[in-house]
Amino acid sequence: MTQEQLAVNVGLSRTFVTRLELGQYDPPLSTLVRLSKALRVSVTDLLGESMSGNVWWRVGDLRVIHQKAPSSRPRSGSRAMRLAGDLPV
């Protein structure tokens, strides 16, 4: 699938898709879901195993953080933070 075809299928501009591929833009979760459906992969596949550290996305006025656990601990978890800072929710 070309960038143009993907852009049309998802309702984005080709330029936007290019910026995503180059890592110049962090899309909202809703865009990741649309992209994953168009590409027939999971959102996790889009994010890739090569990512280290935390992954975050916005849900309303919250920022959801998915924290990868250290390799010695097989668990991972998520927590939410206010956009203004690291405040308990």
PDB file of N, CA and C in Angstrom:
ATOM      1  N   MET A   1       0.849  -1.168   0.000  1.00  0.00           N
ATOM      2  CA  MET A   1       0.000   0.000   0.000  1.00  0.00           C
ATOM      3  C   MET A   1       0.898   1.236   0.000  1.00  0.00           C
ATOM      4  N   THR A   2       0.589   2.179  -0.860  1.00  0.00           N
ATOM      5  CA  THR A   2       1.375   3.413  -0.927  1.00  0.00           C
ATOM      6  C   THR A   2       0.928   4.379   0.170  1.00  0.00           C
ATOM      7  N   GLN A   3       1.742   5.391   0.418  1.00  0.00           N
ATOM      8  CA  GLN A   3       1.359   6.428   1.377  1.00  0.00           C
ATOM      9  C   GLN A   3       0.060   7.092   0.942  1.00  0.00           C
ATOM     10  N   GLU A   4      -0.081   7.346  -0.336  1.00  0.00           N
ATOM     11  CA  GLU A   4      -1.291   7.994  -0.859  1.00  0.00           C
ATOM     12  C   GLU A   4      -2.518   7.120  -0.612  1.00  0.00           C
ATOM     13  N   GLN A   5      -2.407   5.825  -0.887  1.00  0.00           N
ATOM     14  CA  GLN A   5      -3.530   4.909  -0.667  1.00  0.00           C
ATOM     15  C   GLN A   5      -3.893   4.842   0.812  1.00  0.00           C
ATOM     16  N   LEU A   6      -2.889   4.760   1.663  1.00  0.00           N
ATOM     17  CA  LEU A   6      -3.139   4.729   3.098  1.00  0.00           C
ATOM     18  C   LEU A   6      -3.813   6.017   3.555  1.00  0.00           C
ATOM     19  N   ALA A   7      -3.309   7.134   3.085  1.00  0.00           N
ATOM     20  CA  ALA A   7      -3.878   8.431   3.458  1.00  0.00           C
ATOM     21  C   ALA A   7      -5.354   8.512   3.075  1.00  0.00           C
ATOM     22  N   VAL A   8      -5.684   8.084   1.862  1.00  0.00           N
ATOM     23  CA  VAL A   8      -7.075   8.119   1.399  1.00  0.00           C
ATOM     24  C   VAL A   8      -7.936   7.181   2.244  1.00  0.00           C
ATOM     25  N   ASN A   9      -7.446   5.966   2.515  1.00  0.00           N
ATOM     26  CA  ASN A   9      -8.210   4.982   3.299  1.00  0.00           C
ATOM     27  C   ASN A   9      -8.500   5.457   4.713  1.00  0.00           C
ATOM     28  N   VAL A  10      -7.579   6.212   5.292  1.00  0.00           N
ATOM     29  CA  VAL A  10      -7.705   6.626   6.690  1.00  0.00           C
ATOM     30  C   VAL A  10      -8.253   8.049   6.826  1.00  0.00           C
ATOM     31  N   GLY A  11      -8.273   8.793   5.732  1.00  0.00           N
ATOM     32  CA  GLY A  11      -8.767  10.164   5.782  1.00  0.00           C
ATOM     33  C   GLY A  11      -7.725  11.160   6.237  1.00  0.00           C
ATOM     34  N   LEU A  12      -6.469  10.905   5.868  1.00  0.00           N
ATOM     35  CA  LEU A  12      -5.366  11.800   6.208  1.00  0.00           C
ATOM     36  C   LEU A  12      -4.727  12.307   4.926  1.00  0.00           C
ATOM     37  N   SER A  13      -3.867  13.297   5.046  1.00  0.00           N
ATOM     38  CA  SER A  13      -3.105  13.748   3.879  1.00  0.00           C
ATOM     39  C   SER A  13      -1.862  12.875   3.723  1.00  0.00           C
ATOM     40  N   ARG A  14      -1.354  12.768   2.511  1.00  0.00           N
ATOM     41  CA  ARG A  14      -0.130  12.008   2.275  1.00  0.00           C
ATOM     42  C   ARG A  14       1.024  12.613   3.056  1.00  0.00           C
ATOM     43  N   THR A  15       1.060  13.942   3.141  1.00  0.00           N
ATOM     44  CA  THR A  15       2.110  14.626   3.901  1.00  0.00           C
ATOM     45  C   THR A  15       2.072  14.208   5.370  1.00  0.00           C
ATOM     46  N   PHE A  16       0.873  14.098   5.917  1.00  0.00           N
ATOM     47  CA  PHE A  16       0.715  13.679   7.307  1.00  0.00           C
ATOM     48  C   PHE A  16       1.267  12.267   7.500  1.00  0.00           C
ATOM     49  N   VAL A  17       0.947  11.359   6.570  1.00  0.00           N
ATOM     50  CA  VAL A  17       1.442   9.978   6.648  1.00  0.00           C
ATOM     51  C   VAL A  17       2.969   9.966   6.577  1.00  0.00           C
ATOM     52  N   THR A  18       3.536  10.787   5.706  1.00  0.00           N
ATOM     53  CA  THR A  18       4.997  10.887   5.600  1.00  0.00           C
ATOM     54  C   THR A  18       5.597  11.327   6.926  1.00  0.00           C
ATOM     55  N   ARG A  19       4.999  12.345   7.549  1.00  0.00           N
ATOM     56  CA  ARG A  19       5.502  12.841   8.836  1.00  0.00           C
ATOM     57  C   ARG A  19       5.425  11.768   9.917  1.00  0.00           C
ATOM     58  N   LEU A  20       4.361  10.951   9.877  1.00  0.00           N
ATOM     59  CA  LEU A  20       4.250   9.849  10.834  1.00  0.00           C
ATOM     60  C   LEU A  20       5.383   8.854  10.639  1.00  0.00           C
ATOM     61  N   GLU A  21       5.638   8.489   9.387  1.00  0.00           N
ATOM     62  CA  GLU A  21       6.702   7.525   9.091  1.00  0.00           C
ATOM     63  C   GLU A  21       8.075   8.040   9.514  1.00  0.00           C
ATOM     64  N   LEU A  22       8.274   9.328   9.408  1.00  0.00           N
ATOM     65  CA  LEU A  22       9.559   9.923   9.767  1.00  0.00           C
ATOM     66  C   LEU A  22       9.675  10.202  11.267  1.00  0.00           C
ATOM     67  N   GLY A  23       8.603   9.945  12.007  1.00  0.00           N
ATOM     68  CA  GLY A  23       8.624  10.181  13.446  1.00  0.00           C
ATOM     69  C   GLY A  23       8.539  11.644  13.818  1.00  0.00           C
ATOM     70  N   GLN A  24       7.993  12.460  12.928  1.00  0.00           N
ATOM     71  CA  GLN A  24       7.902  13.898  13.175  1.00  0.00           C
ATOM     72  C   GLN A  24       6.593  14.289  13.851  1.00  0.00           C
ATOM     73  N   TYR A  25       5.720  13.326  14.068  1.00  0.00           N
ATOM     74  CA  TYR A  25       4.429  13.621  14.677  1.00  0.00           C
ATOM     75  C   TYR A  25       3.994  12.414  15.491  1.00  0.00           C
ATOM     76  N   ASP A  26       3.477  12.649  16.678  1.00  0.00           N
ATOM     77  CA  ASP A  26       2.917  11.593  17.521  1.00  0.00           C
ATOM     78  C   ASP A  26       1.399  11.669  17.413  1.00  0.00           C
ATOM     79  N   PRO A  27       0.796  10.738  16.690  1.00  0.00           N
ATOM     80  CA  PRO A  27      -0.648  10.815  16.456  1.00  0.00           C
ATOM     81  C   PRO A  27      -1.449  10.443  17.695  1.00  0.00           C
ATOM     82  N   PRO A  28      -2.679  10.929  17.771  1.00  0.00           N
ATOM     83  CA  PRO A  28      -3.554  10.512  18.865  1.00  0.00           C
ATOM     84  C   PRO A  28      -3.936   9.036  18.694  1.00  0.00           C
ATOM     85  N   LEU A  29      -4.410   8.437  19.759  1.00  0.00           N
ATOM     86  CA  LEU A  29      -4.790   7.028  19.738  1.00  0.00           C
ATOM     87  C   LEU A  29      -5.830   6.751  18.660  1.00  0.00           C
ATOM     88  N   SER A  30      -6.775   7.655  18.468  1.00  0.00           N
ATOM     89  CA  SER A  30      -7.816   7.436  17.457  1.00  0.00           C
ATOM     90  C   SER A  30      -7.218   7.280  16.060  1.00  0.00           C
ATOM     91  N   THR A  31      -6.181   8.040  15.754  1.00  0.00           N
ATOM     92  CA  THR A  31      -5.511   7.920  14.453  1.00  0.00           C
ATOM     93  C   THR A  31      -4.751   6.608  14.366  1.00  0.00           C
ATOM     94  N   LEU A  32      -4.102   6.204  15.449  1.00  0.00           N
ATOM     95  CA  LEU A  32      -3.404   4.917  15.462  1.00  0.00           C
ATOM     96  C   LEU A  32      -4.371   3.765  15.215  1.00  0.00           C
ATOM     97  N   VAL A  33      -5.557   3.849  15.788  1.00  0.00           N
ATOM     98  CA  VAL A  33      -6.562   2.801  15.593  1.00  0.00           C
ATOM     99  C   VAL A  33      -6.990   2.756  14.133  1.00  0.00           C
ATOM    100  N   ARG A  34      -7.255   3.914  13.530  1.00  0.00           N
ATOM    101  CA  ARG A  34      -7.648   3.955  12.108  1.00  0.00           C
ATOM    102  C   ARG A  34      -6.539   3.406  11.223  1.00  0.00           C
ATOM    103  N   LEU A  35      -5.297   3.785  11.515  1.00  0.00           N
ATOM    104  CA  LEU A  35      -4.162   3.278  10.735  1.00  0.00           C
ATOM    105  C   LEU A  35      -4.028   1.764  10.882  1.00  0.00           C
ATOM    106  N   SER A  36      -4.169   1.270  12.097  1.00  0.00           N
ATOM    107  CA  SER A  36      -4.016  -0.174  12.317  1.00  0.00           C
ATOM    108  C   SER A  36      -5.095  -0.958  11.583  1.00  0.00           C
ATOM    109  N   LYS A  37      -6.315  -0.429  11.549  1.00  0.00           N
ATOM    110  CA  LYS A  37      -7.390  -1.109  10.811  1.00  0.00           C
ATOM    111  C   LYS A  37      -7.102  -1.117   9.316  1.00  0.00           C
ATOM    112  N   ALA A  38      -6.660   0.015   8.789  1.00  0.00           N
ATOM    113  CA  ALA A  38      -6.369   0.105   7.352  1.00  0.00           C
ATOM    114  C   ALA A  38      -5.221  -0.816   6.954  1.00  0.00           C
ATOM    115  N   LEU A  39      -4.237  -0.958   7.837  1.00  0.00           N
ATOM    116  CA  LEU A  39      -3.066  -1.790   7.550  1.00  0.00           C
ATOM    117  C   LEU A  39      -3.246  -3.241   8.004  1.00  0.00           C
ATOM    118  N   ARG A  40      -4.372  -3.505   8.694  1.00  0.00           N
ATOM    119  CA  ARG A  40      -4.681  -4.849   9.200  1.00  0.00           C
ATOM    120  C   ARG A  40      -3.598  -5.376  10.142  1.00  0.00           C
ATOM    121  N   VAL A  41      -3.194  -4.495  11.057  1.00  0.00           N
ATOM    122  CA  VAL A  41      -2.244  -4.854  12.106  1.00  0.00           C
ATOM    123  C   VAL A  41      -2.771  -4.283  13.419  1.00  0.00           C
ATOM    124  N   SER A  42      -2.194  -4.694  14.524  1.00  0.00           N
ATOM    125  CA  SER A  42      -2.601  -4.145  15.816  1.00  0.00           C
ATOM    126  C   SER A  42      -1.899  -2.807  16.059  1.00  0.00           C
ATOM    127  N   VAL A  43      -2.451  -2.031  16.969  1.00  0.00           N
ATOM    128  CA  VAL A  43      -1.805  -0.778  17.358  1.00  0.00           C
ATOM    129  C   VAL A  43      -0.428  -1.081  17.941  1.00  0.00           C
ATOM    130  N   THR A  44      -0.318  -2.170  18.679  1.00  0.00           N
ATOM    131  CA  THR A  44       0.976  -2.583  19.232  1.00  0.00           C
ATOM    132  C   THR A  44       1.989  -2.819  18.122  1.00  0.00           C
ATOM    133  N   ASP A  45       1.548  -3.443  17.033  1.00  0.00           N
ATOM    134  CA  ASP A  45       2.444  -3.657  15.892  1.00  0.00           C
ATOM    135  C   ASP A  45       2.914  -2.329  15.312  1.00  0.00           C
ATOM    136  N   LEU A  46       2.016  -1.341  15.260  1.00  0.00           N
ATOM    137  CA  LEU A  46       2.406  -0.024  14.743  1.00  0.00           C
ATOM    138  C   LEU A  46       3.459   0.621  15.635  1.00  0.00           C
ATOM    139  N   LEU A  47       3.309   0.462  16.943  1.00  0.00           N
ATOM    140  CA  LEU A  47       4.255   1.072  17.875  1.00  0.00           C
ATOM    141  C   LEU A  47       5.580   0.346  17.857  1.00  0.00           C
ATOM    142  N   GLY A  48       5.562  -0.957  17.627  1.00  0.00           N
ATOM    143  CA  GLY A  48       6.786  -1.723  17.455  1.00  0.00           C
ATOM    144  C   GLY A  48       7.433  -2.146  18.748  1.00  0.00           C
ATOM    145  N   GLU A  49       8.121  -3.257  18.679  1.00  0.00           N
ATOM    146  CA  GLU A  49       8.858  -3.790  19.824  1.00  0.00           C
ATOM    147  C   GLU A  49      10.115  -2.987  20.108  1.00  0.00           C
ATOM    148  N   SER A  50      10.600  -2.242  19.133  1.00  0.00           N
ATOM    149  CA  SER A  50      11.864  -1.538  19.308  1.00  0.00           C
ATOM    150  C   SER A  50      11.745  -0.323  20.221  1.00  0.00           C
ATOM    151  N   MET A  51      10.520   0.043  20.572  1.00  0.00           N
ATOM    152  CA  MET A  51      10.350   1.198  21.445  1.00  0.00           C
ATOM    153  C   MET A  51      10.814   0.852  22.848  1.00  0.00           C
ATOM    154  N   SER A  52      11.551   1.742  23.460  1.00  0.00           N
ATOM    155  CA  SER A  52      11.971   1.528  24.839  1.00  0.00           C
ATOM    156  C   SER A  52      11.366   2.626  25.691  1.00  0.00           C
ATOM    157  N   GLY A  53      11.252   2.364  26.967  1.00  0.00           N
ATOM    158  CA  GLY A  53      10.697   3.370  27.860  1.00  0.00           C
ATOM    159  C   GLY A  53       9.182   3.369  27.836  1.00  0.00           C
ATOM    160  N   ASN A  54       8.604   4.533  28.028  1.00  0.00           N
ATOM    161  CA  ASN A  54       7.165   4.662  28.151  1.00  0.00           C
ATOM    162  C   ASN A  54       6.518   5.025  26.826  1.00  0.00           C
ATOM    163  N   VAL A  55       5.285   4.611  26.686  1.00  0.00           N
ATOM    164  CA  VAL A  55       4.463   4.980  25.543  1.00  0.00           C
ATOM    165  C   VAL A  55       3.285   5.750  26.115  1.00  0.00           C
ATOM    166  N   TRP A  56       2.919   6.868  25.525  1.00  0.00           N
ATOM    167  CA  TRP A  56       1.793   7.620  26.058  1.00  0.00           C
ATOM    168  C   TRP A  56       0.878   8.098  24.952  1.00  0.00           C
ATOM    169  N   TRP A  57      -0.372   8.335  25.319  1.00  0.00           N
ATOM    170  CA  TRP A  57      -1.339   8.913  24.404  1.00  0.00           C
ATOM    171  C   TRP A  57      -2.360   9.674  25.236  1.00  0.00           C
ATOM    172  N   ARG A  58      -3.113  10.538  24.580  1.00  0.00           N
ATOM    173  CA  ARG A  58      -4.093  11.365  25.284  1.00  0.00           C
ATOM    174  C   ARG A  58      -5.469  10.714  25.230  1.00  0.00           C
ATOM    175  N   VAL A  59      -6.167  10.799  26.350  1.00  0.00           N
ATOM    176  CA  VAL A  59      -7.554  10.385  26.439  1.00  0.00           C
ATOM    177  C   VAL A  59      -8.267  11.533  27.128  1.00  0.00           C
ATOM    178  N   GLY A  60      -8.979  12.345  26.371  1.00  0.00           N
ATOM    179  CA  GLY A  60      -9.598  13.534  26.933  1.00  0.00           C
ATOM    180  C   GLY A  60      -8.535  14.462  27.470  1.00  0.00           C
ATOM    181  N   ASP A  61      -8.677  14.862  28.735  1.00  0.00           N
ATOM    182  CA  ASP A  61      -7.676  15.746  29.327  1.00  0.00           C
ATOM    183  C   ASP A  61      -6.622  14.964  30.110  1.00  0.00           C
ATOM    184  N   LEU A  62      -6.604  13.651  29.947  1.00  0.00           N
ATOM    185  CA  LEU A  62      -5.611  12.821  30.616  1.00  0.00           C
ATOM    186  C   LEU A  62      -4.557  12.356  29.629  1.00  0.00           C
ATOM    187  N   ARG A  63      -3.381  12.096  30.128  1.00  0.00           N
ATOM    188  CA  ARG A  63      -2.327  11.485  29.327  1.00  0.00           C
ATOM    189  C   ARG A  63      -2.121  10.093  29.913  1.00  0.00           C
ATOM    190  N   VAL A  64      -2.356   9.059  29.125  1.00  0.00           N
ATOM    191  CA  VAL A  64      -2.233   7.684  29.588  1.00  0.00           C
ATOM    192  C   VAL A  64      -0.822   7.211  29.299  1.00  0.00           C
ATOM    193  N   ILE A  65      -0.182   6.670  30.307  1.00  0.00           N
ATOM    194  CA  ILE A  65       1.194   6.202  30.194  1.00  0.00           C
ATOM    195  C   ILE A  65       1.209   4.683  30.293  1.00  0.00           C
ATOM    196  N   HIS A  66       1.825   4.038  29.326  1.00  0.00           N
ATOM    197  CA  HIS A  66       2.059   2.598  29.412  1.00  0.00           C
ATOM    198  C   HIS A  66       3.533   2.443  29.728  1.00  0.00           C
ATOM    199  N   GLN A  67       3.826   1.952  30.916  1.00  0.00           N
ATOM    200  CA  GLN A  67       5.211   1.822  31.355  1.00  0.00           C
ATOM    201  C   GLN A  67       5.693   0.403  31.111  1.00  0.00           C
ATOM    202  N   LYS A  68       6.808   0.297  30.409  1.00  0.00           N
ATOM    203  CA  LYS A  68       7.417  -1.015  30.236  1.00  0.00           C
ATOM    204  C   LYS A  68       8.159  -1.372  31.510  1.00  0.00           C
ATOM    205  N   ALA A  69       7.959  -2.601  31.936  1.00  0.00           N
ATOM    206  CA  ALA A  69       8.633  -3.067  33.147  1.00  0.00           C
ATOM    207  C   ALA A  69      10.071  -3.439  32.815  1.00  0.00           C
ATOM    208  N   PRO A  70      10.965  -3.331  33.792  1.00  0.00           N
ATOM    209  CA  PRO A  70      12.334  -3.810  33.574  1.00  0.00           C
ATOM    210  C   PRO A  70      12.305  -5.288  33.211  1.00  0.00           C
ATOM    211  N   SER A  71      13.305  -5.750  32.493  1.00  0.00           N
ATOM    212  CA  SER A  71      13.320  -7.132  32.017  1.00  0.00           C
ATOM    213  C   SER A  71      13.255  -8.152  33.147  1.00  0.00           C
ATOM    214  N   SER A  72      13.676  -7.780  34.341  1.00  0.00           N
ATOM    215  CA  SER A  72      13.625  -8.710  35.468  1.00  0.00           C
ATOM    216  C   SER A  72      12.208  -8.876  36.004  1.00  0.00           C
ATOM    217  N   ARG A  73      11.325  -7.944  35.632  1.00  0.00           N
ATOM    218  CA  ARG A  73       9.934  -8.026  36.067  1.00  0.00           C
ATOM    219  C   ARG A  73       9.062  -8.163  34.830  1.00  0.00           C
ATOM    220  N   PRO A  74       8.335  -9.261  34.678  1.00  0.00           N
ATOM    221  CA  PRO A  74       7.568  -9.494  33.467  1.00  0.00           C
ATOM    222  C   PRO A  74       6.272  -8.711  33.373  1.00  0.00           C
ATOM    223  N   ARG A  75       5.998  -7.825  34.318  1.00  0.00           N
ATOM    224  CA  ARG A  75       4.744  -7.078  34.289  1.00  0.00           C
ATOM    225  C   ARG A  75       4.944  -5.728  33.619  1.00  0.00           C
ATOM    226  N   SER A  76       3.856  -5.200  33.117  1.00  0.00           N
ATOM    227  CA  SER A  76       3.837  -3.810  32.679  1.00  0.00           C
ATOM    228  C   SER A  76       2.503  -3.243  33.125  1.00  0.00           C
ATOM    229  N   GLY A  77       2.415  -1.939  33.196  1.00  0.00           N
ATOM    230  CA  GLY A  77       1.180  -1.338  33.666  1.00  0.00           C
ATOM    231  C   GLY A  77       0.929  -0.012  33.004  1.00  0.00           C
ATOM    232  N   SER A  78      -0.239   0.525  33.274  1.00  0.00           N
ATOM    233  CA  SER A  78      -0.598   1.829  32.733  1.00  0.00           C
ATOM    234  C   SER A  78      -1.054   2.711  33.876  1.00  0.00           C
ATOM    235  N   ARG A  79      -0.861   3.988  33.710  1.00  0.00           N
ATOM    236  CA  ARG A  79      -1.376   4.942  34.675  1.00  0.00           C
ATOM    237  C   ARG A  79      -1.744   6.196  33.909  1.00  0.00           C
ATOM    238  N   ALA A  80      -2.559   7.019  34.504  1.00  0.00           N
ATOM    239  CA  ALA A  80      -2.973   8.251  33.845  1.00  0.00           C
ATOM    240  C   ALA A  80      -2.409   9.437  34.597  1.00  0.00           C
ATOM    241  N   MET A  81      -2.060  10.480  33.859  1.00  0.00           N
ATOM    242  CA  MET A  81      -1.524  11.700  34.450  1.00  0.00           C
ATOM    243  C   MET A  81      -2.280  12.882  33.857  1.00  0.00           C
ATOM    244  N   ARG A  82      -2.498  13.887  34.648  1.00  0.00           N
ATOM    245  CA  ARG A  82      -3.066  15.122  34.121  1.00  0.00           C
ATOM    246  C   ARG A  82      -2.051  15.742  33.180  1.00  0.00           C
ATOM    247  N   LEU A  83      -2.515  16.388  32.120  1.00  0.00           N
ATOM    248  CA  LEU A  83      -1.602  17.003  31.164  1.00  0.00           C
ATOM    249  C   LEU A  83      -0.744  18.077  31.806  1.00  0.00           C
ATOM    250  N   ALA A  84      -1.231  18.660  32.897  1.00  0.00           N
ATOM    251  CA  ALA A  84      -0.474  19.718  33.557  1.00  0.00           C
ATOM    252  C   ALA A  84       0.722  19.174  34.321  1.00  0.00           C
ATOM    253  N   GLY A  85       0.758  17.894  34.561  1.00  0.00           N
ATOM    254  CA  GLY A  85       1.882  17.339  35.303  1.00  0.00           C
ATOM    255  C   GLY A  85       1.570  15.964  35.841  1.00  0.00           C
ATOM    256  N   ASP A  86       2.483  15.426  36.580  1.00  0.00           N
ATOM    257  CA  ASP A  86       2.354  14.081  37.112  1.00  0.00           C
ATOM    258  C   ASP A  86       1.545  14.112  38.395  1.00  0.00           C
ATOM    259  N   LEU A  87       0.236  14.236  38.280  1.00  0.00           N
ATOM    260  CA  LEU A  87      -0.645  14.283  39.431  1.00  0.00           C
ATOM    261  C   LEU A  87      -1.433  12.987  39.510  1.00  0.00           C
ATOM    262  N   PRO A  88      -1.612  12.428  40.686  1.00  0.00           N
ATOM    263  CA  PRO A  88      -2.419  11.207  40.803  1.00  0.00           C
ATOM    264  C   PRO A  88      -3.839  11.470  40.335  1.00  0.00           C
ATOM    265  N   VAL A  89      -4.416  10.475  39.721  1.00  0.00           N
ATOM    266  CA  VAL A  89      -5.798  10.592  39.230  1.00  0.00           C
ATOM    267  C   VAL A  89      -6.710   9.832  40.152  1.00  0.00           C
TER     268      VAL A  89
END
